[in-house]
Every structure is written in C-alpha cells, then in structure tokens.
Amino acid sequence: MTALLSTAFFPNVQYMSKFLVGKVVIEKYETYPKQTYRNRCNILSANGVLPLSVPVQKNYHTLTKDIRIDYSEMWQRNHLTALKSAYKNSAFYDYYFYKFERFFEKKEVFLIDLNENVLQTLFAVLKIDADYSYTTDYIFDSTGYTDFRESISPKPSKNRPDEAFVPKPYTQVFCDRFDFVPNLSILDLIFNVGPESKDLLASGVGGI
C-alpha cells in the first residue's frame, strides 16, 4: 500500500524506511500545522536529544507548499554548530558531513524546496531508488494509503504503532552517556553507521 507522508526536514529513520517499501506520496496541499517534523528534526548531542527547527513565516491557512523560511534568525549557523558538535567524533563524519553542509549556507525560499533537496541528497547517500511523488491536491480520503502524515510526529500523543517498522540499535556517539535513542534524524544513522546505513534501515522494515 502507498505510504502517505508529510514533508520533513532531515527526516527520522522511520520516515526514511518508507521509501524502501514501495511507493510514497508526500502531502503539500495541507494547511501547514505547527510543531511537527515538517520543519524540524532531532539529533543526539552531548546533553541528550536536541531538536533543530527551521523558523518559518506562517499566515493563517497557509498551505505547506507556500511556507516560506524565516532567515531573520541565525538558524543555519546554529544548526551547523550543533551538528558539528554532536557528530564531529562519529565514525563517518568526515565522509559525509560535506554533503549536507550546503543546506546551512544556501538560502532556499520555500520549506518544501529545502526538504526536497535534502531528500534527494539522502537518497543519493543511502543509494535508495525511491518511487515517490507529491500530491496535486489535499488528500481527504486516505483509503488506499497508509497515512503517516500526522502519526510520524515529535509529539508522543500523536504517534501510533507502526508494525512495518522496528528501530534497530546501532552505536551512537554518546553511547557512554545514554542508552540507545531510536528514531532520530537519519543524519544520526548516517554519521554513525556510514555505508551500512541502508542495510540497517532495511533490517527494521517488515517484509524486507
């Protein structure tokens, strides 16, 4: 069944696993909701889980496709500093960091374009031949889809069990301080596992 996803900023492991299963459709005609992974991701820092958010300009009833990024805050510099601090000692930092650095230097106008460019880079790094598209109108009736638009969420109250995904542990940078933290941004997996990321991602997907 086709997975129906929201757009996402450096998506988490669960989100990325959907591109290994089959066709994916990404919603962009919804009224943009606050406090979701559409403009944020979670990484693991020396002090624990750290959310990174892209500030956006939002007017009432703005569609996700029309959400503009707010550059009045120095979020790109702050994100870059946080990522370097969190992952400079990871096993594959030097191999992959340069591939993502540009997203914190170039100023995209729309959030949907930033997220699409991030997604394309992630597909290249992970060697995923993704079959996906974007909605051409809002999907009210999700019959025929597995709808994850709201259930892949930073809010525990909105998450629901996903029988097709079981997070697989791997060694994280601060494993001497914290137990394994599952389902962080895919960046955490890439920096820690490197070329084996796709295999580990696939090992958590039912039916693969």
N, C-alpha and C. Protein backbone atom coordinates (compact mmCIF):
# COMPACT_ATOMS: atom_id res chain seq x y z
N MET A 1 0.84 -1.20 0.00
CA MET A 1 0.00 0.00 0.00
C MET A 1 0.87 1.25 0.00
N THR A 2 0.48 2.27 -0.70
CA THR A 2 1.24 3.51 -0.81
C THR A 2 1.28 4.24 0.53
N ALA A 3 2.47 4.67 0.93
CA ALA A 3 2.63 5.45 2.16
C ALA A 3 2.36 6.92 1.85
N LEU A 4 1.57 7.55 2.70
CA LEU A 4 1.26 8.97 2.57
C LEU A 4 1.98 9.70 3.70
N LEU A 5 2.94 10.56 3.32
CA LEU A 5 3.78 11.24 4.29
C LEU A 5 3.62 12.75 4.21
N SER A 6 4.00 13.43 5.27
CA SER A 6 4.19 14.87 5.22
C SER A 6 5.56 15.14 4.63
N THR A 7 5.87 16.38 4.32
CA THR A 7 7.25 16.74 4.04
C THR A 7 8.00 16.73 5.37
N ALA A 8 9.33 16.65 5.33
CA ALA A 8 10.09 16.58 6.58
C ALA A 8 11.50 17.13 6.39
N PHE A 9 12.02 17.73 7.43
CA PHE A 9 13.36 18.30 7.43
C PHE A 9 14.33 17.28 8.03
N PHE A 10 15.27 16.80 7.24
CA PHE A 10 16.18 15.72 7.66
C PHE A 10 15.39 14.66 8.43
N PRO A 11 14.56 13.92 7.72
CA PRO A 11 13.58 13.02 8.33
C PRO A 11 14.19 11.98 9.26
N ASN A 12 13.34 11.43 10.12
CA ASN A 12 13.83 10.40 11.03
C ASN A 12 13.91 9.05 10.32
N VAL A 13 14.42 8.06 11.03
CA VAL A 13 14.67 6.75 10.45
C VAL A 13 13.37 6.09 9.99
N GLN A 14 12.32 6.20 10.78
CA GLN A 14 11.03 5.62 10.41
C GLN A 14 10.54 6.18 9.08
N TYR A 15 10.58 7.48 8.94
CA TYR A 15 10.15 8.16 7.71
C TYR A 15 10.93 7.64 6.51
N MET A 16 12.25 7.60 6.63
CA MET A 16 13.08 7.17 5.50
C MET A 16 12.85 5.71 5.14
N SER A 17 12.48 4.90 6.12
CA SER A 17 12.25 3.48 5.84
C SER A 17 11.10 3.27 4.85
N LYS A 18 10.18 4.21 4.78
CA LYS A 18 9.01 4.05 3.90
C LYS A 18 9.41 4.04 2.42
N PHE A 19 10.55 4.63 2.10
CA PHE A 19 10.99 4.67 0.71
C PHE A 19 11.63 3.35 0.28
N LEU A 20 11.84 2.44 1.23
CA LEU A 20 12.36 1.12 0.90
C LEU A 20 11.25 0.11 0.64
N VAL A 21 10.04 0.47 1.04
CA VAL A 21 8.92 -0.48 0.99
C VAL A 21 8.18 -0.45 -0.34
N GLY A 22 7.97 0.75 -0.86
CA GLY A 22 7.20 0.88 -2.10
C GLY A 22 6.96 2.33 -2.44
N LYS A 23 5.85 2.61 -3.06
CA LYS A 23 5.52 3.96 -3.50
C LYS A 23 5.19 4.86 -2.31
N VAL A 24 5.61 6.12 -2.41
CA VAL A 24 5.35 7.13 -1.38
C VAL A 24 4.75 8.36 -2.04
N VAL A 25 3.77 8.96 -1.39
CA VAL A 25 3.22 10.24 -1.82
C VAL A 25 3.40 11.23 -0.67
N ILE A 26 3.91 12.41 -0.98
CA ILE A 26 4.17 13.43 0.04
C ILE A 26 3.14 14.55 -0.09
N GLU A 27 2.47 14.83 1.00
CA GLU A 27 1.41 15.84 1.04
C GLU A 27 2.00 17.25 1.07
N LYS A 28 1.52 18.11 0.17
CA LYS A 28 1.96 19.51 0.23
C LYS A 28 0.80 20.50 0.12
N TYR A 29 -0.44 19.99 0.07
CA TYR A 29 -1.61 20.87 -0.04
C TYR A 29 -2.40 20.96 1.26
N GLU A 30 -1.82 20.49 2.33
CA GLU A 30 -2.45 20.63 3.64
C GLU A 30 -2.29 22.05 4.16
N THR A 31 -3.13 22.44 5.13
CA THR A 31 -2.89 23.67 5.88
C THR A 31 -1.75 23.38 6.84
N TYR A 32 -0.72 24.17 6.77
CA TYR A 32 0.52 23.87 7.48
C TYR A 32 0.31 23.83 9.00
N PRO A 33 0.64 22.69 9.64
CA PRO A 33 0.49 22.59 11.09
C PRO A 33 1.80 22.93 11.81
N LYS A 34 1.69 23.39 13.03
CA LYS A 34 2.87 23.73 13.83
C LYS A 34 3.39 22.51 14.59
N GLN A 35 4.63 22.64 15.01
CA GLN A 35 5.27 21.68 15.91
C GLN A 35 5.24 20.26 15.36
N THR A 36 5.77 20.10 14.15
CA THR A 36 5.86 18.79 13.52
C THR A 36 7.26 18.63 12.93
N TYR A 37 7.50 17.46 12.34
CA TYR A 37 8.78 17.22 11.69
C TYR A 37 8.88 17.91 10.34
N ARG A 38 7.85 18.62 9.92
CA ARG A 38 7.91 19.30 8.64
C ARG A 38 9.05 20.31 8.60
N ASN A 39 9.34 20.92 9.75
CA ASN A 39 10.42 21.90 9.78
C ASN A 39 11.40 21.64 10.93
N ARG A 40 11.44 20.39 11.39
CA ARG A 40 12.38 20.10 12.49
C ARG A 40 12.84 18.67 12.45
N CYS A 41 13.96 18.44 13.15
CA CYS A 41 14.48 17.08 13.31
C CYS A 41 15.13 16.99 14.68
N ASN A 42 15.39 15.77 15.11
CA ASN A 42 16.05 15.53 16.39
C ASN A 42 17.39 14.86 16.17
N ILE A 43 18.42 15.40 16.81
CA ILE A 43 19.75 14.79 16.79
C ILE A 43 20.14 14.46 18.23
N LEU A 44 21.24 13.73 18.40
CA LEU A 44 21.71 13.41 19.74
C LEU A 44 22.96 14.19 20.04
N SER A 45 22.88 15.06 21.05
CA SER A 45 24.01 15.90 21.46
C SER A 45 24.61 15.37 22.75
N ALA A 46 25.65 16.03 23.21
CA ALA A 46 26.29 15.64 24.47
C ALA A 46 25.35 15.78 25.65
N ASN A 47 24.30 16.58 25.49
CA ASN A 47 23.33 16.79 26.57
C ASN A 47 22.02 16.04 26.35
N GLY A 48 21.99 15.17 25.36
CA GLY A 48 20.77 14.42 25.09
C GLY A 48 20.15 14.80 23.76
N VAL A 49 18.90 14.44 23.58
CA VAL A 49 18.20 14.72 22.32
C VAL A 49 18.05 16.23 22.15
N LEU A 50 18.43 16.70 20.96
CA LEU A 50 18.38 18.14 20.66
C LEU A 50 17.53 18.37 19.42
N PRO A 51 16.41 19.10 19.54
CA PRO A 51 15.62 19.42 18.35
C PRO A 51 16.22 20.60 17.59
N LEU A 52 16.25 20.48 16.27
CA LEU A 52 16.69 21.57 15.40
C LEU A 52 15.49 22.00 14.56
N SER A 53 15.13 23.27 14.63
CA SER A 53 13.94 23.76 13.94
C SER A 53 14.29 24.83 12.92
N VAL A 54 13.62 24.77 11.79
CA VAL A 54 13.74 25.80 10.75
C VAL A 54 12.62 26.81 10.98
N PRO A 55 12.93 28.05 11.32
CA PRO A 55 11.87 29.05 11.51
C PRO A 55 11.15 29.32 10.19
N VAL A 56 9.84 29.46 10.26
CA VAL A 56 9.06 29.71 9.05
C VAL A 56 8.12 30.88 9.25
N GLN A 57 7.73 31.46 8.13
CA GLN A 57 6.75 32.53 8.13
C GLN A 57 5.39 31.90 7.88
N LYS A 58 4.49 32.03 8.82
CA LYS A 58 3.19 31.37 8.67
C LYS A 58 2.06 32.37 8.83
N ASN A 59 1.20 32.37 7.86
CA ASN A 59 -0.05 33.12 7.95
C ASN A 59 -1.19 32.12 8.12
N TYR A 60 -2.31 32.60 8.55
CA TYR A 60 -3.45 31.72 8.79
C TYR A 60 -3.84 31.01 7.50
N HIS A 61 -3.99 29.69 7.59
CA HIS A 61 -4.40 28.85 6.46
C HIS A 61 -3.38 28.79 5.33
N THR A 62 -2.10 29.02 5.62
CA THR A 62 -1.07 28.86 4.60
C THR A 62 -0.88 27.38 4.28
N LEU A 63 -0.83 27.05 3.00
CA LEU A 63 -0.57 25.67 2.60
C LEU A 63 0.92 25.35 2.78
N THR A 64 1.20 24.10 3.04
CA THR A 64 2.60 23.68 3.23
C THR A 64 3.46 24.07 2.05
N LYS A 65 2.94 23.94 0.84
CA LYS A 65 3.72 24.27 -0.36
C LYS A 65 4.11 25.74 -0.42
N ASP A 66 3.41 26.58 0.32
CA ASP A 66 3.66 28.02 0.27
C ASP A 66 4.41 28.56 1.49
N ILE A 67 4.82 27.68 2.38
CA ILE A 67 5.51 28.11 3.60
C ILE A 67 6.91 28.60 3.26
N ARG A 68 7.19 29.84 3.66
CA ARG A 68 8.50 30.44 3.42
C ARG A 68 9.38 30.32 4.67
N ILE A 69 10.67 30.17 4.43
CA ILE A 69 11.62 30.07 5.53
C ILE A 69 11.96 31.46 6.04
N ASP A 70 12.07 31.58 7.36
CA ASP A 70 12.38 32.86 8.02
C ASP A 70 13.88 32.92 8.32
N TYR A 71 14.57 33.86 7.68
CA TYR A 71 16.01 34.00 7.88
C TYR A 71 16.36 35.15 8.81
N SER A 72 15.37 35.68 9.51
CA SER A 72 15.66 36.75 10.47
C SER A 72 16.43 36.21 11.68
N GLU A 73 16.32 34.88 11.88
CA GLU A 73 17.10 34.22 12.92
C GLU A 73 18.29 33.52 12.27
N MET A 74 19.38 33.36 13.05
CA MET A 74 20.59 32.73 12.52
C MET A 74 20.53 31.22 12.67
N TRP A 75 19.43 30.63 12.19
CA TRP A 75 19.23 29.20 12.43
C TRP A 75 20.23 28.34 11.67
N GLN A 76 20.66 28.76 10.50
CA GLN A 76 21.60 27.95 9.72
C GLN A 76 22.93 27.81 10.46
N ARG A 77 23.44 28.91 10.96
CA ARG A 77 24.69 28.88 11.71
C ARG A 77 24.54 28.05 12.97
N ASN A 78 23.41 28.20 13.65
CA ASN A 78 23.18 27.45 14.89
C ASN A 78 23.07 25.94 14.63
N HIS A 79 22.37 25.57 13.55
CA HIS A 79 22.26 24.16 13.19
C HIS A 79 23.62 23.57 12.85
N LEU A 80 24.39 24.32 12.09
CA LEU A 80 25.71 23.85 11.67
C LEU A 80 26.61 23.62 12.89
N THR A 81 26.58 24.56 13.81
CA THR A 81 27.38 24.43 15.04
C THR A 81 26.94 23.22 15.85
N ALA A 82 25.62 23.03 15.95
CA ALA A 82 25.08 21.90 16.73
C ALA A 82 25.47 20.57 16.09
N LEU A 83 25.38 20.47 14.77
CA LEU A 83 25.71 19.22 14.08
C LEU A 83 27.20 18.90 14.20
N LYS A 84 28.03 19.90 14.06
CA LYS A 84 29.48 19.67 14.20
C LYS A 84 29.82 19.21 15.61
N SER A 85 29.23 19.84 16.59
CA SER A 85 29.48 19.48 17.98
C SER A 85 29.00 18.06 18.28
N ALA A 86 27.84 17.71 17.75
CA ALA A 86 27.25 16.41 18.04
C ALA A 86 27.96 15.26 17.33
N TYR A 87 28.44 15.51 16.10
CA TYR A 87 28.89 14.38 15.28
C TYR A 87 30.34 14.44 14.83
N LYS A 88 31.11 15.41 15.28
CA LYS A 88 32.50 15.52 14.83
C LYS A 88 33.33 14.29 15.21
N ASN A 89 32.92 13.59 16.25
CA ASN A 89 33.65 12.38 16.67
C ASN A 89 32.98 11.09 16.20
N SER A 90 31.97 11.20 15.36
CA SER A 90 31.32 9.99 14.84
C SER A 90 32.22 9.34 13.79
N ALA A 91 31.98 8.06 13.57
CA ALA A 91 32.86 7.28 12.70
C ALA A 91 32.91 7.77 11.26
N PHE A 92 31.81 8.35 10.76
CA PHE A 92 31.74 8.69 9.34
C PHE A 92 31.48 10.17 9.08
N TYR A 93 31.74 10.98 10.08
CA TYR A 93 31.53 12.43 9.96
C TYR A 93 32.30 13.00 8.77
N ASP A 94 33.58 12.67 8.68
CA ASP A 94 34.43 13.24 7.63
C ASP A 94 34.02 12.77 6.24
N TYR A 95 33.35 11.63 6.14
CA TYR A 95 32.96 11.09 4.85
C TYR A 95 31.68 11.73 4.31
N TYR A 96 30.84 12.21 5.22
CA TYR A 96 29.51 12.63 4.78
C TYR A 96 29.13 14.07 5.10
N PHE A 97 29.79 14.68 6.05
CA PHE A 97 29.32 15.98 6.50
C PHE A 97 29.29 17.01 5.37
N TYR A 98 30.30 16.98 4.52
CA TYR A 98 30.37 17.97 3.43
C TYR A 98 29.18 17.89 2.49
N LYS A 99 28.53 16.72 2.42
CA LYS A 99 27.38 16.56 1.54
C LYS A 99 26.16 17.33 2.03
N PHE A 100 26.13 17.61 3.34
CA PHE A 100 24.97 18.28 3.93
C PHE A 100 25.24 19.73 4.32
N GLU A 101 26.48 20.11 4.34
CA GLU A 101 26.85 21.45 4.82
C GLU A 101 26.19 22.57 4.01
N ARG A 102 26.00 22.33 2.73
CA ARG A 102 25.45 23.37 1.85
C ARG A 102 24.03 23.78 2.24
N PHE A 103 23.29 22.87 2.89
CA PHE A 103 21.92 23.20 3.28
C PHE A 103 21.86 24.24 4.39
N PHE A 104 23.00 24.51 4.99
CA PHE A 104 23.07 25.50 6.06
C PHE A 104 23.84 26.74 5.60
N GLU A 105 23.98 26.84 4.29
CA GLU A 105 24.65 28.00 3.70
C GLU A 105 23.76 28.67 2.64
N LYS A 106 23.19 27.85 1.74
CA LYS A 106 22.28 28.37 0.72
C LYS A 106 20.93 28.72 1.34
N LYS A 107 20.32 29.78 0.88
CA LYS A 107 19.04 30.23 1.42
C LYS A 107 17.90 29.90 0.46
N GLU A 108 17.26 28.77 0.67
CA GLU A 108 16.06 28.43 -0.08
C GLU A 108 14.90 29.31 0.40
N VAL A 109 14.01 29.65 -0.51
CA VAL A 109 12.87 30.49 -0.16
C VAL A 109 11.78 29.67 0.54
N PHE A 110 11.46 28.52 -0.03
CA PHE A 110 10.34 27.72 0.48
C PHE A 110 10.83 26.48 1.21
N LEU A 111 10.15 26.16 2.30
CA LEU A 111 10.49 24.98 3.09
C LEU A 111 10.39 23.71 2.26
N ILE A 112 9.37 23.60 1.42
CA ILE A 112 9.16 22.39 0.62
C ILE A 112 10.34 22.15 -0.31
N ASP A 113 10.97 23.22 -0.81
CA ASP A 113 12.12 23.07 -1.69
C ASP A 113 13.36 22.65 -0.91
N LEU A 114 13.55 23.22 0.27
CA LEU A 114 14.66 22.80 1.13
C LEU A 114 14.54 21.32 1.44
N ASN A 115 13.36 20.89 1.86
CA ASN A 115 13.17 19.49 2.23
C ASN A 115 13.33 18.54 1.05
N GLU A 116 12.89 18.98 -0.12
CA GLU A 116 13.04 18.14 -1.32
C GLU A 116 14.53 17.97 -1.67
N ASN A 117 15.30 19.04 -1.58
CA ASN A 117 16.72 18.97 -1.88
C ASN A 117 17.46 18.10 -0.86
N VAL A 118 17.06 18.22 0.40
CA VAL A 118 17.62 17.34 1.44
C VAL A 118 17.30 15.88 1.11
N LEU A 119 16.06 15.62 0.73
CA LEU A 119 15.62 14.26 0.44
C LEU A 119 16.43 13.66 -0.73
N GLN A 120 16.63 14.44 -1.77
CA GLN A 120 17.40 13.96 -2.92
C GLN A 120 18.83 13.60 -2.52
N THR A 121 19.42 14.41 -1.66
CA THR A 121 20.78 14.13 -1.19
C THR A 121 20.80 12.87 -0.33
N LEU A 122 19.80 12.69 0.51
CA LEU A 122 19.72 11.49 1.34
C LEU A 122 19.56 10.24 0.47
N PHE A 123 18.75 10.32 -0.57
CA PHE A 123 18.60 9.18 -1.48
C PHE A 123 19.94 8.81 -2.12
N ALA A 124 20.69 9.83 -2.51
CA ALA A 124 22.00 9.59 -3.14
C ALA A 124 22.98 8.95 -2.15
N VAL A 125 23.00 9.47 -0.94
CA VAL A 125 23.91 8.94 0.09
C VAL A 125 23.55 7.50 0.44
N LEU A 126 22.25 7.24 0.59
CA LEU A 126 21.79 5.92 1.01
C LEU A 126 21.61 4.94 -0.14
N LYS A 127 21.78 5.47 -1.37
CA LYS A 127 21.60 4.66 -2.58
C LYS A 127 20.18 4.05 -2.63
N ILE A 128 19.21 4.89 -2.40
CA ILE A 128 17.80 4.49 -2.47
C ILE A 128 17.21 4.98 -3.78
N ASP A 129 16.66 4.07 -4.54
CA ASP A 129 15.95 4.40 -5.79
C ASP A 129 14.48 4.57 -5.43
N ALA A 130 14.12 5.76 -4.98
CA ALA A 130 12.79 6.00 -4.42
C ALA A 130 11.74 6.22 -5.49
N ASP A 131 10.58 5.63 -5.26
CA ASP A 131 9.40 5.84 -6.12
C ASP A 131 8.44 6.74 -5.35
N TYR A 132 8.50 8.03 -5.62
CA TYR A 132 7.66 8.95 -4.83
C TYR A 132 7.20 10.12 -5.69
N SER A 133 6.16 10.78 -5.18
CA SER A 133 5.61 11.95 -5.86
C SER A 133 4.98 12.85 -4.81
N TYR A 134 4.50 14.01 -5.26
CA TYR A 134 3.81 14.94 -4.36
C TYR A 134 2.33 15.00 -4.73
N THR A 135 1.52 15.31 -3.77
CA THR A 135 0.09 15.44 -4.03
C THR A 135 -0.17 16.63 -4.97
N THR A 136 -1.24 16.55 -5.71
CA THR A 136 -1.65 17.65 -6.59
C THR A 136 -2.86 18.38 -6.00
N ASP A 137 -3.39 17.85 -4.91
CA ASP A 137 -4.46 18.45 -4.14
C ASP A 137 -4.46 17.75 -2.78
N TYR A 138 -5.16 18.31 -1.81
CA TYR A 138 -5.17 17.68 -0.49
C TYR A 138 -5.92 16.34 -0.54
N ILE A 139 -5.34 15.33 0.06
CA ILE A 139 -5.98 14.02 0.10
C ILE A 139 -6.83 13.92 1.37
N PHE A 140 -8.14 14.07 1.20
CA PHE A 140 -9.07 13.95 2.33
C PHE A 140 -9.35 12.48 2.64
N ASP A 141 -9.58 11.71 1.60
CA ASP A 141 -9.89 10.29 1.77
C ASP A 141 -8.61 9.48 1.55
N SER A 142 -8.05 8.98 2.63
CA SER A 142 -6.78 8.26 2.53
C SER A 142 -6.96 6.76 2.30
N THR A 143 -8.16 6.35 1.88
CA THR A 143 -8.37 4.95 1.51
C THR A 143 -7.40 4.58 0.40
N GLY A 144 -6.73 3.47 0.57
CA GLY A 144 -5.73 3.08 -0.41
C GLY A 144 -4.32 3.52 -0.04
N TYR A 145 -4.21 4.29 1.03
CA TYR A 145 -2.91 4.74 1.53
C TYR A 145 -2.71 4.26 2.97
N THR A 146 -1.46 4.16 3.37
CA THR A 146 -1.13 4.08 4.79
C THR A 146 -0.72 5.48 5.19
N ASP A 147 -1.54 6.13 5.98
CA ASP A 147 -1.42 7.56 6.23
C ASP A 147 -0.54 7.85 7.45
N PHE A 148 0.64 8.40 7.20
CA PHE A 148 1.58 8.75 8.26
C PHE A 148 1.73 10.28 8.40
N ARG A 149 0.85 11.05 7.79
CA ARG A 149 1.02 12.50 7.78
C ARG A 149 1.08 13.10 9.17
N GLU A 150 0.32 12.55 10.09
CA GLU A 150 0.31 13.08 11.46
C GLU A 150 0.94 12.12 12.46
N SER A 151 1.02 10.84 12.12
CA SER A 151 1.45 9.85 13.12
C SER A 151 2.96 9.74 13.25
N ILE A 152 3.73 10.19 12.24
CA ILE A 152 5.17 10.32 12.43
C ILE A 152 5.38 11.73 12.95
N SER A 153 5.45 11.84 14.27
CA SER A 153 5.34 13.13 14.93
C SER A 153 6.29 13.24 16.12
N PRO A 154 6.78 14.44 16.41
CA PRO A 154 7.59 14.63 17.62
C PRO A 154 6.75 14.60 18.89
N LYS A 155 5.43 14.62 18.74
CA LYS A 155 4.53 14.58 19.89
C LYS A 155 4.14 13.12 20.17
N PRO A 156 4.55 12.58 21.31
CA PRO A 156 4.23 11.18 21.64
C PRO A 156 2.74 10.87 21.57
N SER A 157 1.91 11.85 21.89
CA SER A 157 0.46 11.62 21.89
C SER A 157 -0.08 11.35 20.49
N LYS A 158 0.65 11.76 19.47
CA LYS A 158 0.18 11.58 18.08
C LYS A 158 0.78 10.34 17.42
N ASN A 159 1.87 9.83 17.98
CA ASN A 159 2.47 8.63 17.40
C ASN A 159 1.55 7.44 17.57
N ARG A 160 1.58 6.55 16.60
CA ARG A 160 0.82 5.32 16.72
C ARG A 160 1.70 4.15 16.32
N PRO A 161 1.41 2.94 16.79
CA PRO A 161 2.25 1.80 16.45
C PRO A 161 2.39 1.62 14.94
N ASP A 162 3.59 1.29 14.53
CA ASP A 162 3.87 1.08 13.12
C ASP A 162 4.45 -0.33 12.99
N GLU A 163 3.59 -1.28 12.61
CA GLU A 163 4.01 -2.67 12.55
C GLU A 163 5.05 -2.93 11.46
N ALA A 164 5.17 -2.00 10.52
CA ALA A 164 6.12 -2.17 9.42
C ALA A 164 7.50 -1.62 9.75
N PHE A 165 7.68 -1.11 10.97
CA PHE A 165 8.97 -0.52 11.32
C PHE A 165 9.37 -0.88 12.75
N VAL A 166 10.56 -1.43 12.88
CA VAL A 166 11.14 -1.72 14.20
C VAL A 166 12.55 -1.13 14.21
N PRO A 167 12.80 -0.09 15.02
CA PRO A 167 14.13 0.53 15.02
C PRO A 167 15.21 -0.44 15.50
N LYS A 168 16.29 -0.53 14.75
CA LYS A 168 17.40 -1.41 15.09
C LYS A 168 18.52 -0.62 15.75
N PRO A 169 19.02 -1.07 16.89
CA PRO A 169 20.08 -0.34 17.60
C PRO A 169 21.38 -0.30 16.80
N TYR A 170 22.13 0.75 16.99
CA TYR A 170 23.47 0.89 16.43
C TYR A 170 24.27 1.74 17.42
N THR A 171 25.57 1.78 17.27
CA THR A 171 26.42 2.52 18.20
C THR A 171 26.33 4.02 17.91
N GLN A 172 25.93 4.78 18.89
CA GLN A 172 25.83 6.24 18.75
C GLN A 172 27.01 6.92 19.45
N VAL A 173 27.26 8.16 19.09
CA VAL A 173 28.43 8.88 19.57
C VAL A 173 28.51 8.91 21.09
N PHE A 174 27.39 9.17 21.73
CA PHE A 174 27.40 9.34 23.19
C PHE A 174 26.84 8.12 23.91
N CYS A 175 27.20 6.94 23.38
CA CYS A 175 26.68 5.70 23.98
C CYS A 175 27.22 5.47 25.39
N ASP A 176 28.31 6.17 25.75
CA ASP A 176 28.84 6.06 27.11
C ASP A 176 28.01 6.86 28.11
N ARG A 177 27.15 7.75 27.60
CA ARG A 177 26.32 8.60 28.46
C ARG A 177 24.85 8.21 28.43
N PHE A 178 24.39 7.74 27.28
CA PHE A 178 22.96 7.48 27.11
C PHE A 178 22.72 6.08 26.57
N ASP A 179 21.59 5.51 26.94
CA ASP A 179 21.13 4.30 26.26
C ASP A 179 20.80 4.66 24.82
N PHE A 180 20.70 3.65 23.97
CA PHE A 180 20.38 3.89 22.57
C PHE A 180 19.09 4.70 22.44
N VAL A 181 19.16 5.76 21.62
CA VAL A 181 17.99 6.60 21.35
C VAL A 181 17.50 6.29 19.94
N PRO A 182 16.32 5.66 19.81
CA PRO A 182 15.85 5.27 18.48
C PRO A 182 15.19 6.41 17.72
N ASN A 183 15.16 6.23 16.41
CA ASN A 183 14.34 7.06 15.52
C ASN A 183 14.68 8.54 15.55
N LEU A 184 15.97 8.83 15.61
CA LEU A 184 16.42 10.20 15.45
C LEU A 184 16.46 10.55 13.96
N SER A 185 16.92 11.75 13.65
CA SER A 185 17.13 12.12 12.25
C SER A 185 18.02 11.08 11.58
N ILE A 186 17.76 10.84 10.31
CA ILE A 186 18.57 9.91 9.53
C ILE A 186 20.04 10.30 9.55
N LEU A 187 20.33 11.56 9.83
CA LEU A 187 21.73 12.01 9.92
C LEU A 187 22.47 11.25 11.01
N ASP A 188 21.79 10.96 12.12
CA ASP A 188 22.43 10.23 13.21
C ASP A 188 22.87 8.85 12.73
N LEU A 189 22.02 8.19 11.99
CA LEU A 189 22.36 6.87 11.44
C LEU A 189 23.51 6.97 10.46
N ILE A 190 23.45 7.93 9.55
CA ILE A 190 24.49 8.07 8.52
C ILE A 190 25.85 8.37 9.13
N PHE A 191 25.92 9.30 10.05
CA PHE A 191 27.21 9.67 10.64
C PHE A 191 27.80 8.54 11.49
N ASN A 192 26.96 7.72 12.07
CA ASN A 192 27.44 6.65 12.94
C ASN A 192 27.68 5.32 12.22
N VAL A 193 26.90 5.05 11.18
CA VAL A 193 26.96 3.74 10.52
C VAL A 193 27.56 3.82 9.13
N GLY A 194 27.45 4.96 8.48
CA GLY A 194 28.06 5.16 7.18
C GLY A 194 27.48 4.31 6.08
N PRO A 195 28.32 3.60 5.30
CA PRO A 195 27.83 2.87 4.13
C PRO A 195 26.90 1.70 4.46
N GLU A 196 26.82 1.31 5.71
CA GLU A 196 25.89 0.25 6.10
C GLU A 196 24.52 0.78 6.51
N SER A 197 24.31 2.09 6.36
CA SER A 197 23.07 2.72 6.80
C SER A 197 21.84 2.13 6.12
N LYS A 198 21.93 1.94 4.81
CA LYS A 198 20.76 1.41 4.09
C LYS A 198 20.41 0.01 4.57
N ASP A 199 21.43 -0.83 4.79
CA ASP A 199 21.18 -2.20 5.26
C ASP A 199 20.54 -2.19 6.64
N LEU A 200 21.02 -1.32 7.52
CA LEU A 200 20.43 -1.26 8.85
C LEU A 200 19.01 -0.71 8.79
N LEU A 201 18.81 0.27 7.92
CA LEU A 201 17.48 0.83 7.71
C LEU A 201 16.53 -0.27 7.23
N ALA A 202 16.98 -1.05 6.28
CA ALA A 202 16.16 -2.13 5.72
C ALA A 202 15.87 -3.22 6.75
N SER A 203 16.80 -3.45 7.67
CA SER A 203 16.62 -4.51 8.65
C SER A 203 15.48 -4.20 9.63
N GLY A 204 15.08 -2.94 9.70
CA GLY A 204 13.99 -2.55 10.57
C GLY A 204 12.64 -2.48 9.88
N VAL A 205 12.63 -2.86 8.59
CA VAL A 205 11.40 -2.78 7.80
C VAL A 205 10.80 -4.17 7.65
N GLY A 206 9.56 -4.32 8.00
CA GLY A 206 8.88 -5.60 7.86
C GLY A 206 8.78 -6.01 6.39
N GLY A 207 9.11 -7.23 6.13
CA GLY A 207 8.96 -7.75 4.78
C GLY A 207 10.17 -7.60 3.89
N ILE A 208 11.25 -7.00 4.43
CA ILE A 208 12.47 -6.86 3.62
C ILE A 208 13.57 -7.75 4.19
